[in-house]
Amino acid sequence: MQGYQLEYTPAELFRRSILAINAHFTSQAKSFDQLPAEEKDTYLSSLEKGDIDLDGVPSNTFFESCCSTRLKDSSPIRSTGGNKNKIAWKMIGFPGAYADYHDLIDSMELNFIENR
């Protein structure tokens, strides 16, 4: 596959998928958050494998979109605080993009000023 091929915008992809997931659980008179951990894992695995049609969106496409969006938006320095202390990155074994060079910048600026 050569990148994203669906007719839906990313926003439509998320809306359609979430509505389909909610409809599935509503029809069963329960919600995802009420499931035991093992059943949650089973459902997420079926999404990942593409076993579920989410109103025209292949579930594996939705799953991959969620994962990649979450990873991109999980910077520990963003104001949302969603990845405090890089915990989300540690959980998935991602070393992250270390961008805290304040000490080096300060020392380089000091050296530059002193050597002028």
C-alpha atoms as a PDB file:
ATOM      1  CA  MET A   1       0.000   0.000   0.000  1.00  0.00           C
ATOM      2  CA  GLN A   2       1.282   3.455  -0.837  1.00  0.00           C
ATOM      3  CA  GLY A   3       0.113   5.522   2.101  1.00  0.00           C
ATOM      4  CA  TYR A   4      -3.390   6.518   3.059  1.00  0.00           C
ATOM      5  CA  GLN A   5      -5.916   5.480   0.390  1.00  0.00           C
ATOM      6  CA  LEU A   6      -9.372   6.036   1.910  1.00  0.00           C
ATOM      7  CA  GLU A   7     -11.869   8.627   0.751  1.00  0.00           C
ATOM      8  CA  TYR A   8     -12.286  10.012   4.276  1.00  0.00           C
ATOM      9  CA  THR A   9     -10.373  12.892   5.794  1.00  0.00           C
ATOM     10  CA  PRO A  10      -8.525  11.954   8.986  1.00  0.00           C
ATOM     11  CA  ALA A  11     -11.282  13.646  11.018  1.00  0.00           C
ATOM     12  CA  GLU A  12     -13.971  11.656   9.192  1.00  0.00           C
ATOM     13  CA  LEU A  13     -11.989   8.459   9.687  1.00  0.00           C
ATOM     14  CA  PHE A  14     -11.902   9.019  13.448  1.00  0.00           C
ATOM     15  CA  ARG A  15     -15.543  10.108  13.684  1.00  0.00           C
ATOM     16  CA  ARG A  16     -16.892   7.178  11.647  1.00  0.00           C
ATOM     17  CA  SER A  17     -14.759   4.666  13.506  1.00  0.00           C
ATOM     18  CA  ILE A  18     -15.603   5.931  16.972  1.00  0.00           C
ATOM     19  CA  LEU A  19     -19.315   6.090  16.163  1.00  0.00           C
ATOM     20  CA  ALA A  20     -19.185   2.502  14.846  1.00  0.00           C
ATOM     21  CA  ILE A  21     -17.344   1.292  17.949  1.00  0.00           C
ATOM     22  CA  ASN A  22     -19.829   3.072  20.221  1.00  0.00           C
ATOM     23  CA  ALA A  23     -22.769   1.601  18.262  1.00  0.00           C
ATOM     24  CA  HIS A  24     -21.280  -1.890  18.641  1.00  0.00           C
ATOM     25  CA  PHE A  25     -21.036  -1.592  22.407  1.00  0.00           C
ATOM     26  CA  THR A  26     -24.415   0.157  22.735  1.00  0.00           C
ATOM     27  CA  SER A  27     -26.029  -2.790  20.956  1.00  0.00           C
ATOM     28  CA  GLN A  28     -24.480  -5.037  23.597  1.00  0.00           C
ATOM     29  CA  ALA A  29     -25.621  -2.762  26.453  1.00  0.00           C
ATOM     30  CA  LYS A  30     -22.093  -2.166  27.692  1.00  0.00           C
ATOM     31  CA  SER A  31     -19.194   0.126  26.979  1.00  0.00           C
ATOM     32  CA  PHE A  32     -15.548  -0.529  26.239  1.00  0.00           C
ATOM     33  CA  ASP A  33     -14.401   0.944  29.545  1.00  0.00           C
ATOM     34  CA  GLN A  34     -16.628  -1.530  31.432  1.00  0.00           C
ATOM     35  CA  LEU A  35     -14.973  -4.583  29.879  1.00  0.00           C
ATOM     36  CA  PRO A  36     -12.481  -6.671  31.849  1.00  0.00           C
ATOM     37  CA  ALA A  37      -8.874  -6.082  30.753  1.00  0.00           C
ATOM     38  CA  GLU A  38      -8.699  -9.371  28.831  1.00  0.00           C
ATOM     39  CA  GLU A  39     -11.800  -8.521  26.768  1.00  0.00           C
ATOM     40  CA  LYS A  40     -10.412  -5.041  26.059  1.00  0.00           C
ATOM     41  CA  ASP A  41      -7.202  -6.633  24.769  1.00  0.00           C
ATOM     42  CA  THR A  42      -9.185  -9.060  22.608  1.00  0.00           C
ATOM     43  CA  TYR A  43     -11.248  -6.243  21.090  1.00  0.00           C
ATOM     44  CA  LEU A  44      -8.172  -4.086  20.436  1.00  0.00           C
ATOM     45  CA  SER A  45      -6.428  -7.076  18.833  1.00  0.00           C
ATOM     46  CA  SER A  46      -9.369  -7.559  16.469  1.00  0.00           C
ATOM     47  CA  LEU A  47      -9.221  -3.872  15.563  1.00  0.00           C
ATOM     48  CA  GLU A  48      -5.491  -4.178  14.906  1.00  0.00           C
ATOM     49  CA  LYS A  49      -5.959  -7.263  12.698  1.00  0.00           C
ATOM     50  CA  GLY A  50      -8.656  -5.551  10.616  1.00  0.00           C
ATOM     51  CA  ASP A  51     -11.343  -8.008  11.673  1.00  0.00           C
ATOM     52  CA  ILE A  52     -13.989  -5.311  12.195  1.00  0.00           C
ATOM     53  CA  ASP A  53     -15.697  -3.038   9.675  1.00  0.00           C
ATOM     54  CA  LEU A  54     -16.095   0.390  11.201  1.00  0.00           C
ATOM     55  CA  ASP A  55     -18.738   1.833   8.895  1.00  0.00           C
ATOM     56  CA  GLY A  56     -16.523   1.614   5.838  1.00  0.00           C
ATOM     57  CA  VAL A  57     -13.229   2.125   7.654  1.00  0.00           C
ATOM     58  CA  PRO A  58     -11.023  -0.957   7.992  1.00  0.00           C
ATOM     59  CA  SER A  59     -10.375  -1.356  11.706  1.00  0.00           C
ATOM     60  CA  ASN A  60      -6.647  -1.875  11.183  1.00  0.00           C
ATOM     61  CA  THR A  61      -6.469   1.514   9.431  1.00  0.00           C
ATOM     62  CA  PHE A  62      -8.221   3.138  12.386  1.00  0.00           C
ATOM     63  CA  PHE A  63      -5.960   1.297  14.839  1.00  0.00           C
ATOM     64  CA  GLU A  64      -2.783   2.351  13.020  1.00  0.00           C
ATOM     65  CA  SER A  65      -4.034   5.939  12.770  1.00  0.00           C
ATOM     66  CA  CYS A  66      -4.697   6.031  16.504  1.00  0.00           C
ATOM     67  CA  CYS A  67      -1.268   4.677  17.324  1.00  0.00           C
ATOM     68  CA  SER A  68       0.641   6.952  14.980  1.00  0.00           C
ATOM     69  CA  THR A  69      -1.351  10.022  16.015  1.00  0.00           C
ATOM     70  CA  ARG A  70      -0.847   9.262  19.685  1.00  0.00           C
ATOM     71  CA  LEU A  71       2.875   8.745  19.224  1.00  0.00           C
ATOM     72  CA  LYS A  72       3.251  11.996  17.286  1.00  0.00           C
ATOM     73  CA  ASP A  73       1.231  13.932  19.847  1.00  0.00           C
ATOM     74  CA  SER A  74       2.851  12.447  22.917  1.00  0.00           C
ATOM     75  CA  SER A  75       5.752  14.824  23.267  1.00  0.00           C
ATOM     76  CA  PRO A  76       6.547  15.130  26.979  1.00  0.00           C
ATOM     77  CA  ILE A  77       7.157  18.866  26.522  1.00  0.00           C
ATOM     78  CA  ARG A  78       3.717  19.636  25.055  1.00  0.00           C
ATOM     79  CA  SER A  79       1.326  21.537  27.253  1.00  0.00           C
ATOM     80  CA  THR A  80      -1.183  18.665  27.342  1.00  0.00           C
ATOM     81  CA  GLY A  81       0.974  16.696  29.758  1.00  0.00           C
ATOM     82  CA  GLY A  82      -0.136  13.421  28.198  1.00  0.00           C
ATOM     83  CA  ASN A  83       3.304  11.862  28.341  1.00  0.00           C
ATOM     84  CA  LYS A  84       4.667  13.132  31.632  1.00  0.00           C
ATOM     85  CA  ASN A  85       8.173  11.841  32.276  1.00  0.00           C
ATOM     86  CA  LYS A  86       8.006  10.060  28.884  1.00  0.00           C
ATOM     87  CA  ILE A  87       5.990   7.247  30.487  1.00  0.00           C
ATOM     88  CA  ALA A  88       3.988   6.474  27.319  1.00  0.00           C
ATOM     89  CA  TRP A  89       7.204   6.188  25.315  1.00  0.00           C
ATOM     90  CA  LYS A  90       8.785   3.952  27.958  1.00  0.00           C
ATOM     91  CA  MET A  91       5.734   1.646  27.903  1.00  0.00           C
ATOM     92  CA  ILE A  92       6.154   0.989  24.180  1.00  0.00           C
ATOM     93  CA  GLY A  93       9.953   0.917  24.234  1.00  0.00           C
ATOM     94  CA  PHE A  94      10.348   4.139  22.235  1.00  0.00           C
ATOM     95  CA  PRO A  95      13.380   6.153  23.359  1.00  0.00           C
ATOM     96  CA  GLY A  96      11.776   9.380  22.208  1.00  0.00           C
ATOM     97  CA  ALA A  97      13.287  12.429  20.685  1.00  0.00           C
ATOM     98  CA  TYR A  98      15.443  13.936  23.361  1.00  0.00           C
ATOM     99  CA  ALA A  99      15.366  17.688  22.869  1.00  0.00           C
ATOM    100  CA  ASP A 100      16.431  19.047  26.223  1.00  0.00           C
ATOM    101  CA  TYR A 101      19.739  20.687  25.493  1.00  0.00           C
ATOM    102  CA  HIS A 102      19.255  23.719  27.726  1.00  0.00           C
ATOM    103  CA  ASP A 103      22.467  23.055  29.664  1.00  0.00           C
ATOM    104  CA  LEU A 104      24.492  22.812  26.469  1.00  0.00           C
ATOM    105  CA  ILE A 105      22.891  25.910  24.986  1.00  0.00           C
ATOM    106  CA  ASP A 106      23.551  27.888  28.139  1.00  0.00           C
ATOM    107  CA  SER A 107      27.199  26.792  28.300  1.00  0.00           C
ATOM    108  CA  MET A 108      27.722  27.444  24.582  1.00  0.00           C
ATOM    109  CA  GLU A 109      26.243  30.936  24.933  1.00  0.00           C
ATOM    110  CA  LEU A 110      28.465  31.609  27.933  1.00  0.00           C
ATOM    111  CA  ASN A 111      31.563  30.410  26.025  1.00  0.00           C
ATOM    112  CA  PHE A 112      30.630  32.559  23.053  1.00  0.00           C
ATOM    113  CA  ILE A 113      30.193  35.666  25.232  1.00  0.00           C
ATOM    114  CA  GLU A 114      33.452  35.051  27.116  1.00  0.00           C
ATOM    115  CA  ASN A 115      35.419  34.492  23.895  1.00  0.00           C
ATOM    116  CA  ARG A 116      34.215  37.661  22.119  1.00  0.00           C
END
